[in-house]
Structures are given as C-alpha cells and as structure tokens.
Amino acid sequence: MVTADSPAVTEAAQALARGELIGLPTETVYGLAADALNAKAVAAIFSAKGRPADHPLIVHVSDAAQVAVFASHVPVFAHTLMAAFWPGPLTLILPRLAGVAESAAGGHPTIALRCPSHPMAMSLLQAARNFGVKGVAAPSANVFGRVSPTTAAHVREAFPQLLVLDGGACDVGIESTIVDCSRASPVLLRPGMLSQSQLSGACGVQVLSALPPVADKPETSPAAPGSLASHYAPTARLYLMTAAQMAARLPAAGTSLAVWARSALAIPSGVHGLSMPTDAAACAHDLFAQLRAMDALGVQEIWVETPPLDEAWDGVRDRLQRASTG
C-alpha cells in the first residue's frame, strides 16, 4: 500500500490530467476515475465498465468550494449537509451548470457530487487540481452490475492494465448515501451508512425518502448512480432468506452452496457456512469482499440471511436486494 504523499499519487494525478483512467481508493469502494470535465476520458469509463451512458457518475471534489464548478445552485440544506458530512460517504445531487460535465451526468440536468474522506483520495484530488483537474468522475471500479471492489486487488482483477492506487481495504465498504438536493426538500435516493434520521437531524429539515421496494423500481434512465433494480451481483445466484426459510430448505441444498447468516444454523456437510456480522457497519465493511469470497468457492448459489429492518441496515439491505434481483 502506498501512502497519501507517495510519488504514486502525483503519477496518478498526472495520468488524470492526460485523460487517462486510474483506480482510486475511497472510504466507500474503489473508483474507476477520470477527469470529470474531459468528455473523452469519461466516455472511456462507460466503455471500460460496460455501463449505460445515461447512468450518471459521481464526481468527486477536493472540497466544498469546488461545488461551484459544477452546480448552478446549492440550497441552504445542501450546504448544511456538506458541513456535517463532508469529507465523507455522502453524495449530493444538485442542479448542474449548463454545458458542464454533461457526459459525467449522463445527460441529466443534475450532477452528483461528493468529497471523499479517504486520505489518499483527498491527496489525489488536490494533486489533480494542481494539474487542472477540477473534479474526478469515479464510479465503482468493476464491470457494470457486478460486485463492487473494496481492495486494490479487486480492481486489478477486473482491469489488469489499470494504474491503481492501493489505499488498503475500504473502511465503509458500501457506496455512499445519495441525497437529492435539486428539489424543494432533500430526498434520500440511495441508502448508505448515513441513515435518514442522521441526515434529517444534521440538516435541520426532514429528509424525505424515495425508497420503495427495489422490485417496484424498473428504471432505464436513472437520475441517481446505483439505482438500477439489478446491481452489485455476484456470479452465483444470490437469494435473500430469513433464518427460518434457510433452515427449512438446507437439508436438500446439496453441496454447491454458500450460506452467510447471523443466526446459528445446522449446516449440512459440504455446504459452506459463513458467519455474518451482527453489527450493520461491520457487515457493510465485509459485504462485497464476502460476496467475492463466496463466488471464489465456485458455488452455484449464495444464501444470505435477510438483514434486520432497523434503519442502520438500510444500506446493506439495499445492496443485497439489488444483488439478488436479476
């Protein structure tokens, strides 16, 4: 792992300024990064990932002052959320300046902005800014729709030739919370490890929710990153079940199966049984790495115990629901 002040950071910043792609560590997941204002470089992100060009990217900025480069208007409640949670795992959707970062925005009139807290990401953004890069578009550094990467090794598996900054394992482990600040009131569009009540408490106004069950949201041109019904999927078919459902089906499960559960279950011989953390933050930290590890076992099915309904688990539940849809 390189340090935040490593020459590798300068090398990566120069690569961004040349219009190249790099692998970027953040506290949430690793990103496939490019200069957000370079349409050709942004197009290379979509091409490399196999991502639809109308599915917007999150633009990472070095500080709140850079928001003015991309956004035409920032309401008071958005400023309040920035002050409370930036740098950190919070993305805000704001009205976009006409003619700015249209490719990164997927053609939408809004722009998704975030200031990450990972020290290497912060150093890179500042170094890139010194080379004229005012913001970095960086979706997760994986093939579109598949499990997000939380280590540099995960990124290299998908993109062997990519310059990847190794910032260690991601602390948070799932993507950022997304709040739409382009409306009269803030609206939670994607859950993460910041809860709706945390956001409302810091914001001073009620943060509304636009989170119906995932299966009821067939979207072809989403305004928010990561909002497609099917996403984050391992190669094996993933099923969400209660502990009771698992117990009832296990005897006939066969051997091509991995089970990730918080509850104690009688796991048959030949079935891979793994313990799921009982703490939401710990589970989020492990989630994508665990899905990759279960895939590596070569199983045909992965069973995961349904997360609790407590809002602390909303981000984990969202990722697992999307991973099991397809």
Foldseek 3Di string as FASTA:
>chain_A
DDDLPDVLLLVVLVCQLVLAWAWAAFLAFIWTKHQLQDLVSLVVVCVLQVHPQLFAFEKEALAPVLVVVWAPDFDPLNVLLRVVAPQHQEKEKHQTDPPGSCRNQSNDRIHIYHHTDQSNNNSSNVSNVVSVRGIMGTDFLARWQAAGHQFQVRNCVSPVVHHYDTSDGRQQQHHGWYWYRHDPAIETQADGQQFQVNSCVSSVHRHHYPDDPLVVDCDDRDSHHPNHLAGHAYPAAEDEDAPVVCQVCQVVPPQLEEEEECDDHDHDPNYHYHYADLQQRVNSSCPSVVSVVSVVVVGNYYYYYQHDPPRSNRNVNSSRSNRNDD
